[in-house]
């Protein structure tokens, strides 16, 4: 079975993951700041393990599907799916209820480098 070289490794630098997934190192640091990734540190160097790489794959897959970032440590530490950014079905509304609030348009993406 031909597996990519990166799957055979145990440790990754931030630049390795950024290059492999075609994202910036800033994006990876953003996901770390949100609590979605927790690399080990050796001095100021981030050391990512296979688990971090697998989580990054899930984060990027969820982003493509329109899921929001999970900022709760409880949610990010578990394997529970992150809540979608928009609901496909909504509960029935009563006529006296106020209109639903506008869903957040911020999807899990790092700030632009303006």
N, C-alpha and C. Protein backbone atom coordinates (compact mmCIF):
# COMPACT_ATOMS: atom_id res chain seq x y z
N UNK A 1 0.85 -1.19 0.00
CA UNK A 1 0.00 0.00 0.00
C UNK A 1 0.89 1.24 0.00
N UNK A 2 0.66 2.12 -0.90
CA UNK A 2 1.46 3.35 -1.00
C UNK A 2 0.82 4.44 -0.16
N UNK A 3 1.47 4.76 0.95
CA UNK A 3 1.00 5.85 1.80
C UNK A 3 1.91 7.04 1.60
N UNK A 4 1.34 8.25 1.70
CA UNK A 4 2.20 9.43 1.60
C UNK A 4 3.29 9.39 2.66
N UNK A 5 4.43 9.93 2.34
CA UNK A 5 5.57 9.93 3.25
C UNK A 5 5.21 10.55 4.59
N UNK A 6 4.39 11.60 4.60
CA UNK A 6 4.05 12.29 5.84
C UNK A 6 3.29 11.39 6.81
N UNK A 7 2.54 10.40 6.31
CA UNK A 7 1.80 9.52 7.19
C UNK A 7 2.72 8.54 7.92
N UNK A 8 3.92 8.34 7.42
CA UNK A 8 4.87 7.43 8.05
C UNK A 8 5.67 8.10 9.16
N UNK A 9 5.58 9.41 9.28
CA UNK A 9 6.34 10.15 10.27
C UNK A 9 5.56 10.28 11.56
N UNK A 10 6.28 10.53 12.66
CA UNK A 10 5.64 10.74 13.95
C UNK A 10 5.63 12.21 14.37
N UNK A 11 6.62 13.00 13.90
CA UNK A 11 6.75 14.40 14.30
C UNK A 11 6.74 15.30 13.08
N UNK A 12 6.14 16.49 13.24
CA UNK A 12 6.03 17.44 12.14
C UNK A 12 6.32 18.84 12.65
N UNK A 13 6.98 19.64 11.84
CA UNK A 13 7.16 21.07 12.14
C UNK A 13 5.97 21.80 11.54
N UNK A 14 5.73 23.01 12.00
CA UNK A 14 4.60 23.79 11.51
C UNK A 14 4.71 24.03 9.99
N UNK A 15 5.93 24.24 9.50
CA UNK A 15 6.14 24.46 8.07
C UNK A 15 5.80 23.21 7.25
N UNK A 16 6.09 22.03 7.83
CA UNK A 16 5.76 20.78 7.14
C UNK A 16 4.26 20.65 6.92
N UNK A 17 3.48 20.91 7.97
CA UNK A 17 2.03 20.80 7.86
C UNK A 17 1.45 21.87 6.93
N UNK A 18 1.98 23.09 7.03
CA UNK A 18 1.50 24.17 6.18
C UNK A 18 1.72 23.82 4.70
N UNK A 19 2.88 23.31 4.40
CA UNK A 19 3.20 22.95 3.01
C UNK A 19 2.33 21.79 2.54
N UNK A 20 2.19 20.77 3.38
CA UNK A 20 1.40 19.59 3.00
C UNK A 20 -0.06 19.94 2.70
N UNK A 21 -0.65 20.82 3.50
CA UNK A 21 -2.07 21.13 3.34
C UNK A 21 -2.34 22.41 2.56
N UNK A 22 -1.28 23.08 2.13
CA UNK A 22 -1.45 24.29 1.32
C UNK A 22 -2.07 25.44 2.09
N UNK A 23 -1.72 25.55 3.36
CA UNK A 23 -2.22 26.66 4.18
C UNK A 23 -1.01 27.38 4.77
N UNK A 24 -1.24 28.53 5.35
CA UNK A 24 -0.14 29.30 5.93
C UNK A 24 0.16 28.83 7.36
N UNK A 25 1.35 29.11 7.81
CA UNK A 25 1.69 28.81 9.20
C UNK A 25 0.84 29.66 10.13
N UNK A 26 0.46 30.83 9.67
CA UNK A 26 -0.41 31.69 10.48
C UNK A 26 -1.77 31.02 10.72
N UNK A 27 -2.28 30.33 9.70
CA UNK A 27 -3.56 29.62 9.86
C UNK A 27 -3.43 28.53 10.93
N UNK A 28 -2.33 27.81 10.92
CA UNK A 28 -2.12 26.76 11.92
C UNK A 28 -2.01 27.37 13.32
N UNK A 29 -1.30 28.50 13.43
CA UNK A 29 -1.21 29.18 14.73
C UNK A 29 -2.58 29.68 15.17
N UNK A 30 -3.42 30.10 14.23
CA UNK A 30 -4.79 30.52 14.54
C UNK A 30 -5.58 29.37 15.14
N UNK A 31 -5.51 28.19 14.53
CA UNK A 31 -6.23 27.02 15.05
C UNK A 31 -5.69 26.63 16.43
N UNK A 32 -4.40 26.83 16.65
CA UNK A 32 -3.83 26.58 17.96
C UNK A 32 -4.38 27.58 18.98
N UNK A 33 -4.46 28.84 18.60
CA UNK A 33 -4.99 29.88 19.50
C UNK A 33 -6.45 29.61 19.85
N UNK A 34 -7.21 29.02 18.94
CA UNK A 34 -8.61 28.69 19.19
C UNK A 34 -8.77 27.43 20.02
N UNK A 35 -7.66 26.75 20.31
CA UNK A 35 -7.72 25.55 21.13
C UNK A 35 -8.00 24.28 20.35
N UNK A 36 -7.93 24.36 19.02
CA UNK A 36 -8.22 23.19 18.19
C UNK A 36 -7.00 22.30 18.01
N UNK A 37 -5.82 22.87 18.14
CA UNK A 37 -4.57 22.12 18.06
C UNK A 37 -3.76 22.43 19.30
N UNK A 38 -3.02 21.43 19.78
CA UNK A 38 -2.19 21.63 20.98
C UNK A 38 -0.83 20.97 20.77
N UNK A 39 0.03 21.60 19.96
CA UNK A 39 1.34 21.01 19.73
C UNK A 39 2.20 21.10 20.99
N UNK A 40 3.17 20.21 21.04
CA UNK A 40 4.14 20.30 22.13
C UNK A 40 5.10 21.43 21.80
N UNK A 41 5.79 21.92 22.80
CA UNK A 41 6.78 23.00 22.60
C UNK A 41 8.14 22.55 23.06
N UNK A 42 9.13 22.86 22.25
CA UNK A 42 10.53 22.71 22.64
C UNK A 42 11.12 24.10 22.44
N UNK A 43 11.21 24.83 23.54
CA UNK A 43 11.57 26.24 23.45
C UNK A 43 10.42 26.97 22.77
N UNK A 44 10.72 27.67 21.68
CA UNK A 44 9.68 28.37 20.94
C UNK A 44 9.19 27.55 19.73
N UNK A 45 9.73 26.36 19.55
CA UNK A 45 9.39 25.53 18.39
C UNK A 45 8.19 24.66 18.70
N UNK A 46 7.23 24.65 17.77
CA UNK A 46 6.06 23.80 17.89
C UNK A 46 6.38 22.43 17.29
N UNK A 47 6.06 21.38 18.01
CA UNK A 47 6.25 20.02 17.54
C UNK A 47 4.86 19.38 17.45
N UNK A 48 4.45 19.06 16.24
CA UNK A 48 3.15 18.44 16.01
C UNK A 48 3.32 16.94 15.87
N UNK A 49 2.38 16.20 16.41
CA UNK A 49 2.40 14.74 16.32
C UNK A 49 1.34 14.28 15.31
N UNK A 50 1.27 12.98 15.10
CA UNK A 50 0.27 12.43 14.17
C UNK A 50 -1.15 12.85 14.55
N UNK A 51 -1.42 12.88 15.84
CA UNK A 51 -2.77 13.26 16.29
C UNK A 51 -3.09 14.70 15.89
N UNK A 52 -2.11 15.59 16.02
CA UNK A 52 -2.32 16.98 15.61
C UNK A 52 -2.57 17.06 14.10
N UNK A 53 -1.83 16.26 13.33
CA UNK A 53 -2.02 16.23 11.87
C UNK A 53 -3.42 15.73 11.54
N UNK A 54 -3.87 14.69 12.23
CA UNK A 54 -5.22 14.16 11.99
C UNK A 54 -6.28 15.19 12.35
N UNK A 55 -6.06 15.91 13.45
CA UNK A 55 -7.02 16.96 13.85
C UNK A 55 -7.06 18.08 12.81
N UNK A 56 -5.88 18.43 12.26
CA UNK A 56 -5.84 19.47 11.24
C UNK A 56 -6.61 19.02 10.00
N UNK A 57 -6.49 17.76 9.64
CA UNK A 57 -7.27 17.23 8.52
C UNK A 57 -8.76 17.42 8.80
N UNK A 58 -9.21 17.10 10.01
CA UNK A 58 -10.62 17.26 10.36
C UNK A 58 -11.04 18.72 10.36
N UNK A 59 -10.19 19.60 10.87
CA UNK A 59 -10.49 21.04 10.90
C UNK A 59 -10.69 21.54 9.47
N UNK A 60 -9.78 21.19 8.59
CA UNK A 60 -9.86 21.67 7.21
C UNK A 60 -11.04 21.06 6.47
N UNK A 61 -11.35 19.81 6.75
CA UNK A 61 -12.52 19.17 6.15
C UNK A 61 -13.80 19.86 6.63
N UNK A 62 -13.87 20.13 7.94
CA UNK A 62 -15.03 20.83 8.48
C UNK A 62 -15.18 22.22 7.90
N UNK A 63 -14.06 22.90 7.72
CA UNK A 63 -14.08 24.25 7.13
C UNK A 63 -14.66 24.20 5.72
N UNK A 64 -14.22 23.21 4.93
CA UNK A 64 -14.74 23.07 3.56
C UNK A 64 -16.24 22.80 3.56
N UNK A 65 -16.72 22.10 4.60
CA UNK A 65 -18.14 21.77 4.68
C UNK A 65 -18.97 22.88 5.32
N UNK A 66 -18.32 23.94 5.79
CA UNK A 66 -19.05 25.09 6.35
C UNK A 66 -19.24 25.06 7.85
N UNK A 67 -18.48 24.23 8.56
CA UNK A 67 -18.58 24.20 10.02
C UNK A 67 -17.79 25.35 10.63
N UNK A 68 -18.25 25.77 11.83
CA UNK A 68 -17.56 26.84 12.56
C UNK A 68 -16.45 26.27 13.41
N UNK A 69 -15.55 27.15 13.82
CA UNK A 69 -14.51 26.75 14.77
C UNK A 69 -15.16 26.45 16.10
N UNK A 70 -14.66 25.45 16.77
CA UNK A 70 -15.11 25.18 18.14
C UNK A 70 -14.13 25.87 19.07
N UNK A 71 -14.62 26.75 19.91
CA UNK A 71 -13.72 27.46 20.80
C UNK A 71 -13.74 26.87 22.20
N UNK A 72 -14.70 25.98 22.48
CA UNK A 72 -14.76 25.37 23.80
C UNK A 72 -13.72 24.28 23.92
N UNK A 73 -12.91 24.31 24.99
CA UNK A 73 -11.91 23.25 25.17
C UNK A 73 -12.57 21.88 25.28
N UNK A 74 -13.79 21.81 25.84
CA UNK A 74 -14.49 20.54 25.97
C UNK A 74 -14.81 19.97 24.60
N UNK A 75 -15.31 20.82 23.71
CA UNK A 75 -15.66 20.36 22.37
C UNK A 75 -14.40 20.04 21.58
N UNK A 76 -13.41 20.90 21.65
CA UNK A 76 -12.22 20.69 20.85
C UNK A 76 -11.40 19.50 21.33
N UNK A 77 -11.54 19.12 22.58
CA UNK A 77 -10.79 17.98 23.09
C UNK A 77 -11.45 16.65 22.77
N UNK A 78 -12.72 16.70 22.42
CA UNK A 78 -13.43 15.46 22.12
C UNK A 78 -13.46 15.21 20.62
N UNK A 79 -14.06 14.10 20.25
CA UNK A 79 -14.20 13.80 18.83
C UNK A 79 -15.61 14.13 18.35
N UNK A 80 -16.37 14.84 19.17
CA UNK A 80 -17.72 15.23 18.80
C UNK A 80 -17.66 16.23 17.66
N UNK A 81 -18.52 16.06 16.64
CA UNK A 81 -18.51 17.01 15.52
C UNK A 81 -18.81 18.43 15.99
N UNK A 82 -18.24 19.39 15.31
CA UNK A 82 -18.46 20.79 15.60
C UNK A 82 -19.80 21.20 14.98
N UNK A 83 -20.54 22.08 15.64
CA UNK A 83 -21.85 22.50 15.15
C UNK A 83 -21.75 23.18 13.79
N UNK A 84 -22.66 22.87 12.85
CA UNK A 84 -22.62 23.51 11.53
C UNK A 84 -22.95 24.99 11.62
N UNK A 85 -22.48 25.77 10.65
CA UNK A 85 -22.68 27.22 10.68
C UNK A 85 -24.11 27.61 10.33
N UNK A 86 -24.82 26.77 9.61
CA UNK A 86 -26.21 27.08 9.33
C UNK A 86 -27.02 25.79 9.38
N UNK A 87 -28.21 25.92 9.88
CA UNK A 87 -29.08 24.77 10.03
C UNK A 87 -29.83 24.50 8.74
N UNK A 88 -30.01 23.22 8.41
CA UNK A 88 -30.77 22.88 7.21
C UNK A 88 -32.25 22.80 7.52
N UNK A 89 -32.60 22.59 8.77
CA UNK A 89 -34.00 22.61 9.15
C UNK A 89 -34.13 23.47 10.40
N UNK A 90 -35.18 24.21 10.48
CA UNK A 90 -35.36 25.06 11.64
C UNK A 90 -36.63 24.65 12.37
N UNK A 91 -36.64 24.80 13.70
CA UNK A 91 -37.83 24.43 14.47
C UNK A 91 -38.98 25.36 14.14
N UNK A 92 -40.21 24.90 14.33
CA UNK A 92 -41.36 25.76 14.06
C UNK A 92 -41.34 26.99 14.95
N UNK A 93 -41.71 28.14 14.38
CA UNK A 93 -41.73 29.40 15.14
C UNK A 93 -43.17 29.75 15.47
N UNK A 94 -43.35 30.32 16.64
CA UNK A 94 -44.68 30.81 16.98
C UNK A 94 -44.82 32.20 16.37
N UNK A 95 -46.04 32.66 16.22
CA UNK A 95 -46.26 33.97 15.59
C UNK A 95 -45.83 35.11 16.50
N UNK A 96 -45.71 34.89 17.82
CA UNK A 96 -45.31 35.94 18.75
C UNK A 96 -43.80 36.01 18.93
N UNK A 97 -43.10 35.06 18.38
CA UNK A 97 -41.64 35.03 18.57
C UNK A 97 -40.96 36.07 17.70
N UNK A 98 -39.84 36.56 18.19
CA UNK A 98 -39.07 37.50 17.39
C UNK A 98 -38.38 36.75 16.27
N UNK A 99 -38.03 37.45 15.18
CA UNK A 99 -37.37 36.76 14.07
C UNK A 99 -36.03 36.20 14.52
N UNK A 100 -35.61 35.09 13.90
CA UNK A 100 -34.33 34.49 14.32
C UNK A 100 -33.17 35.42 14.03
N UNK A 101 -32.16 35.33 14.87
CA UNK A 101 -31.00 36.16 14.65
C UNK A 101 -30.24 35.65 13.44
N UNK A 102 -29.52 36.55 12.78
CA UNK A 102 -28.74 36.20 11.60
C UNK A 102 -27.61 35.26 12.00
N UNK A 103 -27.45 34.12 11.30
CA UNK A 103 -26.36 33.22 11.66
C UNK A 103 -25.01 33.88 11.42
N UNK A 104 -24.07 33.46 12.21
CA UNK A 104 -22.73 34.01 12.08
C UNK A 104 -22.13 33.64 10.74
N UNK A 105 -21.52 34.59 10.07
CA UNK A 105 -20.91 34.30 8.78
C UNK A 105 -19.43 33.98 8.94
N UNK A 106 -18.92 34.06 10.16
CA UNK A 106 -17.50 33.78 10.38
C UNK A 106 -17.28 32.28 10.45
N UNK A 107 -16.64 31.77 9.47
CA UNK A 107 -16.29 30.37 9.44
C UNK A 107 -14.84 30.26 9.87
N UNK A 108 -14.46 29.14 10.32
CA UNK A 108 -13.14 28.89 10.88
C UNK A 108 -12.03 29.28 9.91
N UNK A 109 -11.65 30.53 9.91
CA UNK A 109 -10.54 30.98 9.08
C UNK A 109 -9.77 32.06 9.81
N UNK A 110 -8.49 32.09 9.61
CA UNK A 110 -7.68 33.07 10.32
C UNK A 110 -7.92 34.48 9.80
N UNK A 111 -7.59 35.49 10.58
CA UNK A 111 -7.77 36.87 10.13
C UNK A 111 -6.92 37.16 8.90
N UNK A 112 -7.43 38.03 8.05
CA UNK A 112 -6.66 38.39 6.85
C UNK A 112 -5.48 39.28 7.25
N UNK A 113 -4.38 39.18 6.51
CA UNK A 113 -3.16 39.91 6.88
C UNK A 113 -3.14 41.36 6.43
N UNK A 114 -4.23 42.09 6.59
CA UNK A 114 -4.30 43.49 6.17
C UNK A 114 -3.32 44.32 6.85
